[in-house]
PDB file of N, CA and C in Angstrom:
ATOM      1  N   UNK A   1     -68.096  44.695 162.352  1.00  0.00           N
ATOM      2  CA  UNK A   1     -67.626  43.762 162.896  1.00  0.00           C
ATOM      3  C   UNK A   1     -66.530  42.825 162.337  1.00  0.00           C
ATOM      4  N   UNK A   2     -65.525  42.430 162.782  1.00  0.00           N
ATOM      5  CA  UNK A   2     -64.740  41.600 162.150  1.00  0.00           C
ATOM      6  C   UNK A   2     -65.029  40.139 162.228  1.00  0.00           C
ATOM      7  N   UNK A   3     -64.683  39.656 161.069  1.00  0.00           N
ATOM      8  CA  UNK A   3     -64.892  38.146 160.943  1.00  0.00           C
ATOM      9  C   UNK A   3     -63.695  37.254 160.476  1.00  0.00           C
ATOM     10  N   UNK A   4     -63.631  36.064 160.887  1.00  0.00           N
ATOM     11  CA  UNK A   4     -62.382  35.149 160.573  1.00  0.00           C
ATOM     12  C   UNK A   4     -63.009  33.978 159.828  1.00  0.00           C
ATOM     13  N   UNK A   5     -62.364  33.895 158.606  1.00  0.00           N
ATOM     14  CA  UNK A   5     -63.025  32.657 157.863  1.00  0.00           C
ATOM     15  C   UNK A   5     -61.726  31.790 157.280  1.00  0.00           C
ATOM     16  N   UNK A   6     -62.197  30.738 158.113  1.00  0.00           N
ATOM     17  CA  UNK A   6     -61.188  29.359 157.941  1.00  0.00           C
ATOM     18  C   UNK A   6     -61.266  28.796 156.665  1.00  0.00           C
ATOM     19  N   UNK A   7     -60.557  28.463 155.921  1.00  0.00           N
ATOM     20  CA  UNK A   7     -60.839  27.950 154.557  1.00  0.00           C
ATOM     21  C   UNK A   7     -59.597  26.669 154.070  1.00  0.00           C
ATOM     22  N   UNK A   8     -60.139  26.090 153.236  1.00  0.00           N
ATOM     23  CA  UNK A   8     -59.259  24.971 152.736  1.00  0.00           C
ATOM     24  C   UNK A   8     -59.330  25.152 151.324  1.00  0.00           C
ATOM     25  N   UNK A   9     -58.080  25.029 150.728  1.00  0.00           N
ATOM     26  CA  UNK A   9     -58.188  24.676 148.991  1.00  0.00           C
ATOM     27  C   UNK A   9     -58.776  23.364 148.665  1.00  0.00           C
ATOM     28  N   UNK A  10     -59.465  23.192 147.683  1.00  0.00           N
ATOM     29  CA  UNK A  10     -60.490  22.258 147.400  1.00  0.00           C
ATOM     30  C   UNK A  10     -59.290  21.044 146.743  1.00  0.00           C
ATOM     31  N   UNK A  11     -59.789  19.907 147.309  1.00  0.00           N
ATOM     32  CA  UNK A  11     -58.666  18.690 147.126  1.00  0.00           C
ATOM     33  C   UNK A  11     -57.450  18.621 147.501  1.00  0.00           C
ATOM     34  N   UNK A  12     -57.126  19.675 148.446  1.00  0.00           N
ATOM     35  CA  UNK A  12     -55.840  19.569 149.265  1.00  0.00           C
ATOM     36  C   UNK A  12     -56.066  19.760 150.752  1.00  0.00           C
ATOM     37  N   UNK A  13     -54.936  19.587 151.517  1.00  0.00           N
ATOM     38  CA  UNK A  13     -55.196  19.789 152.957  1.00  0.00           C
ATOM     39  C   UNK A  13     -54.731  21.165 153.181  1.00  0.00           C
ATOM     40  N   UNK A  14     -54.007  21.889 152.488  1.00  0.00           N
ATOM     41  CA  UNK A  14     -53.712  23.105 152.406  1.00  0.00           C
ATOM     42  C   UNK A  14     -54.816  24.412 152.883  1.00  0.00           C
ATOM     43  N   UNK A  15     -54.560  25.159 153.751  1.00  0.00           N
ATOM     44  CA  UNK A  15     -55.716  26.110 154.078  1.00  0.00           C
ATOM     45  C   UNK A  15     -55.178  27.220 154.702  1.00  0.00           C
ATOM     46  N   UNK A  16     -55.819  28.127 155.153  1.00  0.00           N
ATOM     47  CA  UNK A  16     -55.654  29.283 155.950  1.00  0.00           C
ATOM     48  C   UNK A  16     -56.510  30.208 156.636  1.00  0.00           C
ATOM     49  N   UNK A  17     -56.480  31.411 156.938  1.00  0.00           N
ATOM     50  CA  UNK A  17     -57.238  32.167 157.618  1.00  0.00           C
ATOM     51  C   UNK A  17     -57.520  33.561 156.657  1.00  0.00           C
ATOM     52  N   UNK A  18     -58.568  33.969 156.591  1.00  0.00           N
ATOM     53  CA  UNK A  18     -58.862  35.367 156.093  1.00  0.00           C
ATOM     54  C   UNK A  18     -59.604  36.108 157.177  1.00  0.00           C
ATOM     55  N   UNK A  19     -59.141  37.497 157.477  1.00  0.00           N
ATOM     56  CA  UNK A  19     -59.862  38.216 158.390  1.00  0.00           C
ATOM     57  C   UNK A  19     -60.532  39.497 157.486  1.00  0.00           C
ATOM     58  N   UNK A  20     -62.050  39.675 157.730  1.00  0.00           N
ATOM     59  CA  UNK A  20     -62.598  40.591 156.765  1.00  0.00           C
ATOM     60  C   UNK A  20     -63.484  41.580 157.893  1.00  0.00           C
ATOM     61  N   UNK A  21     -63.862  42.690 157.218  1.00  0.00           N
ATOM     62  CA  UNK A  21     -64.833  43.599 157.970  1.00  0.00           C
ATOM     63  C   UNK A  21     -66.228  43.376 157.180  1.00  0.00           C
ATOM     64  N   UNK A  22     -67.158  43.025 158.273  1.00  0.00           N
ATOM     65  CA  UNK A  22     -68.644  42.769 157.545  1.00  0.00           C
ATOM     66  C   UNK A  22     -69.543  43.216 158.939  1.00  0.00           C
ATOM     67  N   UNK A  23     -70.958  43.733 158.306  1.00  0.00           N
ATOM     68  CA  UNK A  23     -71.817  44.382 159.221  1.00  0.00           C
ATOM     69  C   UNK A  23     -72.378  43.122 160.036  1.00  0.00           C
ATOM     70  N   UNK A  24     -72.504  41.956 159.423  1.00  0.00           N
ATOM     71  CA  UNK A  24     -73.187  40.779 159.975  1.00  0.00           C
ATOM     72  C   UNK A  24     -72.765  39.449 159.405  1.00  0.00           C
ATOM     73  N   UNK A  25     -73.146  38.502 160.192  1.00  0.00           N
ATOM     74  CA  UNK A  25     -72.628  37.158 159.628  1.00  0.00           C
ATOM     75  C   UNK A  25     -73.293  36.797 158.439  1.00  0.00           C
ATOM     76  N   UNK A  26     -74.454  37.265 157.816  1.00  0.00           N
ATOM     77  CA  UNK A  26     -74.988  37.098 156.606  1.00  0.00           C
ATOM     78  C   UNK A  26     -74.192  37.666 155.383  1.00  0.00           C
ATOM     79  N   UNK A  27     -73.661  38.786 155.711  1.00  0.00           N
ATOM     80  CA  UNK A  27     -72.757  39.435 154.817  1.00  0.00           C
ATOM     81  C   UNK A  27     -71.533  38.991 154.864  1.00  0.00           C
ATOM     82  N   UNK A  28     -70.883  38.273 155.736  1.00  0.00           N
ATOM     83  CA  UNK A  28     -69.503  37.556 155.824  1.00  0.00           C
ATOM     84  C   UNK A  28     -69.841  36.271 154.921  1.00  0.00           C
ATOM     85  N   UNK A  29     -70.867  35.639 154.979  1.00  0.00           N
ATOM     86  CA  UNK A  29     -71.347  34.298 154.416  1.00  0.00           C
ATOM     87  C   UNK A  29     -71.529  34.674 152.913  1.00  0.00           C
ATOM     88  N   UNK A  30     -71.942  35.724 152.591  1.00  0.00           N
ATOM     89  CA  UNK A  30     -71.910  36.133 151.292  1.00  0.00           C
ATOM     90  C   UNK A  30     -70.672  36.536 150.417  1.00  0.00           C
ATOM     91  N   UNK A  31     -69.798  37.004 151.394  1.00  0.00           N
ATOM     92  CA  UNK A  31     -68.456  37.204 150.789  1.00  0.00           C
ATOM     93  C   UNK A  31     -67.696  36.061 150.659  1.00  0.00           C
ATOM     94  N   UNK A  32     -68.031  35.097 151.577  1.00  0.00           N
ATOM     95  CA  UNK A  32     -67.124  33.736 151.378  1.00  0.00           C
ATOM     96  C   UNK A  32     -67.463  33.151 150.318  1.00  0.00           C
ATOM     97  N   UNK A  33     -68.700  33.373 149.854  1.00  0.00           N
ATOM     98  CA  UNK A  33     -69.390  32.639 148.664  1.00  0.00           C
ATOM     99  C   UNK A  33     -68.583  32.987 147.176  1.00  0.00           C
ATOM    100  N   UNK A  34     -67.968  34.260 147.329  1.00  0.00           N
ATOM    101  CA  UNK A  34     -66.999  34.592 146.213  1.00  0.00           C
ATOM    102  C   UNK A  34     -65.728  34.084 146.222  1.00  0.00           C
ATOM    103  N   UNK A  35     -65.199  33.287 147.156  1.00  0.00           N
ATOM    104  CA  UNK A  35     -64.071  32.671 147.277  1.00  0.00           C
ATOM    105  C   UNK A  35     -63.977  31.544 146.441  1.00  0.00           C
ATOM    106  N   UNK A  36     -62.908  31.056 145.904  1.00  0.00           N
ATOM    107  CA  UNK A  36     -62.695  29.828 145.132  1.00  0.00           C
ATOM    108  C   UNK A  36     -62.023  28.877 146.117  1.00  0.00           C
ATOM    109  N   UNK A  37     -62.425  28.773 147.226  1.00  0.00           N
ATOM    110  CA  UNK A  37     -62.101  27.791 148.307  1.00  0.00           C
ATOM    111  C   UNK A  37     -63.244  26.911 148.955  1.00  0.00           C
ATOM    112  N   UNK A  38     -62.770  26.215 149.857  1.00  0.00           N
ATOM    113  CA  UNK A  38     -63.878  25.544 150.654  1.00  0.00           C
ATOM    114  C   UNK A  38     -63.874  26.252 152.050  1.00  0.00           C
ATOM    115  N   UNK A  39     -65.056  26.697 152.373  1.00  0.00           N
ATOM    116  CA  UNK A  39     -65.083  27.483 153.623  1.00  0.00           C
ATOM    117  C   UNK A  39     -65.250  26.415 154.766  1.00  0.00           C
ATOM    118  N   UNK A  40     -64.453  26.462 155.766  1.00  0.00           N
ATOM    119  CA  UNK A  40     -64.661  25.516 156.904  1.00  0.00           C
ATOM    120  C   UNK A  40     -65.362  26.289 157.892  1.00  0.00           C
ATOM    121  N   UNK A  41     -65.196  27.538 158.309  1.00  0.00           N
ATOM    122  CA  UNK A  41     -66.004  27.932 159.132  1.00  0.00           C
ATOM    123  C   UNK A  41     -65.754  29.619 159.218  1.00  0.00           C
ATOM    124  N   UNK A  42     -66.914  30.249 159.701  1.00  0.00           N
ATOM    125  CA  UNK A  42     -66.928  31.901 159.722  1.00  0.00           C
ATOM    126  C   UNK A  42     -67.207  32.148 161.141  1.00  0.00           C
ATOM    127  N   UNK A  43     -66.330  32.772 161.903  1.00  0.00           N
ATOM    128  CA  UNK A  43     -66.340  32.989 163.411  1.00  0.00           C
ATOM    129  C   UNK A  43     -66.150  34.612 163.605  1.00  0.00           C
ATOM    130  N   UNK A  44     -66.833  35.113 164.558  1.00  0.00           N
ATOM    131  CA  UNK A  44     -66.596  36.572 164.958  1.00  0.00           C
ATOM    132  C   UNK A  44     -65.301  36.763 165.706  1.00  0.00           C
ATOM    133  N   UNK A  45     -64.577  37.709 165.464  1.00  0.00           N
ATOM    134  CA  UNK A  45     -63.246  38.219 166.105  1.00  0.00           C
ATOM    135  C   UNK A  45     -63.711  39.208 167.301  1.00  0.00           C
ATOM    136  N   UNK A  46     -63.624  38.665 168.560  1.00  0.00           N
ATOM    137  CA  UNK A  46     -63.853  39.437 169.611  1.00  0.00           C
ATOM    138  C   UNK A  46     -62.775  40.125 170.162  1.00  0.00           C
ATOM    139  N   UNK A  47     -62.756  41.362 170.321  1.00  0.00           N
ATOM    140  CA  UNK A  47     -61.639  42.165 170.885  1.00  0.00           C
ATOM    141  C   UNK A  47     -62.015  42.592 172.222  1.00  0.00           C
ATOM    142  N   UNK A  48     -61.225  42.197 173.143  1.00  0.00           N
ATOM    143  CA  UNK A  48     -61.560  42.729 174.778  1.00  0.00           C
ATOM    144  C   UNK A  48     -60.413  43.616 175.089  1.00  0.00           C
TER     145      UNK A  48
END
């Protein structure tokens, strides 16, 4: 499943998005812990 991680750099308002492939929300959350940014949200990307 694809996940979109919205992030912001610490102490700034600059941010962005990262799209990743992970089998579950927990795996996406583990991936986000390795980033050196403040994670705002992790949401699934639904393709129709």
